[in-house]
C-alpha atoms as a PDB file:
ATOM      1  CA  UNK A   1     116.846  88.507 104.671  1.00  0.00           C
ATOM      2  CA  UNK A   2     115.892  88.792 101.121  1.00  0.00           C
ATOM      3  CA  UNK A   3     113.789  85.353 100.095  1.00  0.00           C
ATOM      4  CA  UNK A   4     116.949  85.314  97.063  1.00  0.00           C
ATOM      5  CA  UNK A   5     119.344  85.370 100.485  1.00  0.00           C
ATOM      6  CA  UNK A   6     116.936  82.652 102.030  1.00  0.00           C
ATOM      7  CA  UNK A   7     117.739  80.748  98.818  1.00  0.00           C
ATOM      8  CA  UNK A   8     120.882  80.812  99.156  1.00  0.00           C
ATOM      9  CA  UNK A   9     121.337  79.925 102.638  1.00  0.00           C
ATOM     10  CA  UNK A  10     119.478  76.991 102.637  1.00  0.00           C
ATOM     11  CA  UNK A  11     120.632  76.293  98.969  1.00  0.00           C
ATOM     12  CA  UNK A  12     124.377  76.221 101.060  1.00  0.00           C
ATOM     13  CA  UNK A  13     123.401  74.447 103.261  1.00  0.00           C
ATOM     14  CA  UNK A  14     122.050  71.561 102.728  1.00  0.00           C
ATOM     15  CA  UNK A  15     124.078  70.119  98.993  1.00  0.00           C
ATOM     16  CA  UNK A  16     120.861  70.617  97.658  1.00  0.00           C
ATOM     17  CA  UNK A  17     120.627  72.987  93.757  1.00  0.00           C
ATOM     18  CA  UNK A  18     119.029  76.278  94.417  1.00  0.00           C
ATOM     19  CA  UNK A  19     115.625  76.397  91.945  1.00  0.00           C
ATOM     20  CA  UNK A  20     114.947  73.126  94.254  1.00  0.00           C
ATOM     21  CA  UNK A  21     115.025  75.146  97.185  1.00  0.00           C
ATOM     22  CA  UNK A  22     113.486  78.146  95.045  1.00  0.00           C
ATOM     23  CA  UNK A  23     110.434  76.428  93.440  1.00  0.00           C
ATOM     24  CA  UNK A  24     110.170  74.402  97.271  1.00  0.00           C
ATOM     25  CA  UNK A  25     110.531  77.827  99.004  1.00  0.00           C
ATOM     26  CA  UNK A  26     107.579  79.564  96.396  1.00  0.00           C
ATOM     27  CA  UNK A  27     104.825  76.376  96.712  1.00  0.00           C
ATOM     28  CA  UNK A  28     105.068  77.204 101.024  1.00  0.00           C
ATOM     29  CA  UNK A  29     104.433  80.369 100.746  1.00  0.00           C
ATOM     30  CA  UNK A  30     102.160  79.462  98.761  1.00  0.00           C
ATOM     31  CA  UNK A  31     100.564  77.367 100.628  1.00  0.00           C
ATOM     32  CA  UNK A  32     100.359  79.263 103.439  1.00  0.00           C
ATOM     33  CA  UNK A  33      98.784  81.870 100.787  1.00  0.00           C
ATOM     34  CA  UNK A  34      95.714  79.729  99.947  1.00  0.00           C
ATOM     35  CA  UNK A  35      95.413  77.751 103.561  1.00  0.00           C
ATOM     36  CA  UNK A  36      95.126  82.029 105.274  1.00  0.00           C
ATOM     37  CA  UNK A  37      92.921  83.337 102.849  1.00  0.00           C
ATOM     38  CA  UNK A  38      90.617  79.571 102.813  1.00  0.00           C
ATOM     39  CA  UNK A  39      90.469  80.904 106.461  1.00  0.00           C
ATOM     40  CA  UNK A  40      92.488  78.035 107.428  1.00  0.00           C
ATOM     41  CA  UNK A  41      95.436  79.098 110.187  1.00  0.00           C
ATOM     42  CA  UNK A  42      98.272  77.474 109.611  1.00  0.00           C
ATOM     43  CA  UNK A  43     100.916  76.473 112.416  1.00  0.00           C
ATOM     44  CA  UNK A  44     104.433  75.102 112.802  1.00  0.00           C
ATOM     45  CA  UNK A  45     105.119  73.141 115.203  1.00  0.00           C
ATOM     46  CA  UNK A  46     108.966  74.903 116.992  1.00  0.00           C
ATOM     47  CA  UNK A  47     108.156  78.276 115.256  1.00  0.00           C
ATOM     48  CA  UNK A  48     104.287  79.521 115.050  1.00  0.00           C
ATOM     49  CA  UNK A  49     101.477  80.313 113.234  1.00  0.00           C
ATOM     50  CA  UNK A  50      99.866  82.253 110.296  1.00  0.00           C
ATOM     51  CA  UNK A  51      96.896  83.283 112.036  1.00  0.00           C
ATOM     52  CA  UNK A  52      93.443  85.546 111.116  1.00  0.00           C
ATOM     53  CA  UNK A  53      92.086  88.009 112.868  1.00  0.00           C
ATOM     54  CA  UNK A  54      89.443  89.721 113.009  1.00  0.00           C
ATOM     55  CA  UNK A  55      88.954  93.966 112.687  1.00  0.00           C
ATOM     56  CA  UNK A  56      86.181  95.611 113.524  1.00  0.00           C
ATOM     57  CA  UNK A  57      83.543  98.061 111.966  1.00  0.00           C
ATOM     58  CA  UNK A  58      85.765 101.863 112.764  1.00  0.00           C
ATOM     59  CA  UNK A  59      85.202 105.358 111.735  1.00  0.00           C
ATOM     60  CA  UNK A  60      88.487 106.449 110.643  1.00  0.00           C
ATOM     61  CA  UNK A  61      89.597 109.644 109.529  1.00  0.00           C
ATOM     62  CA  UNK A  62      91.817 111.464 106.795  1.00  0.00           C
ATOM     63  CA  UNK A  63      92.969 113.916 108.308  1.00  0.00           C
ATOM     64  CA  UNK A  64      94.607 116.255 105.040  1.00  0.00           C
ATOM     65  CA  UNK A  65      90.393 116.652 103.863  1.00  0.00           C
ATOM     66  CA  UNK A  66      89.334 116.263 107.706  1.00  0.00           C
ATOM     67  CA  UNK A  67      86.292 114.167 106.834  1.00  0.00           C
ATOM     68  CA  UNK A  68      85.106 110.766 108.915  1.00  0.00           C
ATOM     69  CA  UNK A  69      85.457 107.621 106.509  1.00  0.00           C
ATOM     70  CA  UNK A  70      83.996 104.271 107.583  1.00  0.00           C
ATOM     71  CA  UNK A  71      86.505 101.653 107.637  1.00  0.00           C
ATOM     72  CA  UNK A  72      84.353  98.101 107.074  1.00  0.00           C
ATOM     73  CA  UNK A  73      84.864  94.749 109.283  1.00  0.00           C
ATOM     74  CA  UNK A  74      87.329  92.953 108.087  1.00  0.00           C
ATOM     75  CA  UNK A  75      89.774  89.845 107.459  1.00  0.00           C
ATOM     76  CA  UNK A  76      94.348  90.547 108.284  1.00  0.00           C
ATOM     77  CA  UNK A  77      97.011  87.589 108.233  1.00  0.00           C
ATOM     78  CA  UNK A  78      99.256  87.599 111.240  1.00  0.00           C
ATOM     79  CA  UNK A  79     102.143  85.710 112.767  1.00  0.00           C
ATOM     80  CA  UNK A  80     102.364  84.837 116.219  1.00  0.00           C
ATOM     81  CA  UNK A  81     105.632  83.458 116.918  1.00  0.00           C
ATOM     82  CA  UNK A  82     105.629  80.159 119.597  1.00  0.00           C
ATOM     83  CA  UNK A  83     107.025  81.405 123.266  1.00  0.00           C
ATOM     84  CA  UNK A  84     110.276  79.268 122.303  1.00  0.00           C
ATOM     85  CA  UNK A  85     111.415  81.785 119.276  1.00  0.00           C
ATOM     86  CA  UNK A  86     110.147  84.586 121.524  1.00  0.00           C
ATOM     87  CA  UNK A  87     112.308  83.744 123.812  1.00  0.00           C
ATOM     88  CA  UNK A  88     115.331  82.907 121.960  1.00  0.00           C
ATOM     89  CA  UNK A  89     114.611  86.550 119.975  1.00  0.00           C
ATOM     90  CA  UNK A  90     114.359  88.327 123.791  1.00  0.00           C
ATOM     91  CA  UNK A  91     117.786  86.749 124.858  1.00  0.00           C
ATOM     92  CA  UNK A  92     120.384  86.827 122.208  1.00  0.00           C
ATOM     93  CA  UNK A  93     119.281  91.400 121.745  1.00  0.00           C
ATOM     94  CA  UNK A  94     120.392  91.319 126.298  1.00  0.00           C
END
């Protein structure tokens, strides 16, 4: 599902204009990105959490050149769904 499809679905269900829904969805994404960038995790009860995972430094391999590459420690954004969400998906795929 794309952002445009999400906007259309919300607009159809609520009756709110697509332009208004698009601006709300854009602002939601901007706020989440801003919080994660500021190293603040975002918790959406009943849906899941946008968290920051720390990756330790490691030695990687460049297979084509056969050389070792140092990969520095870094943080990455991640999404962790809540238990209810995971169970709902698990039960629908059986």
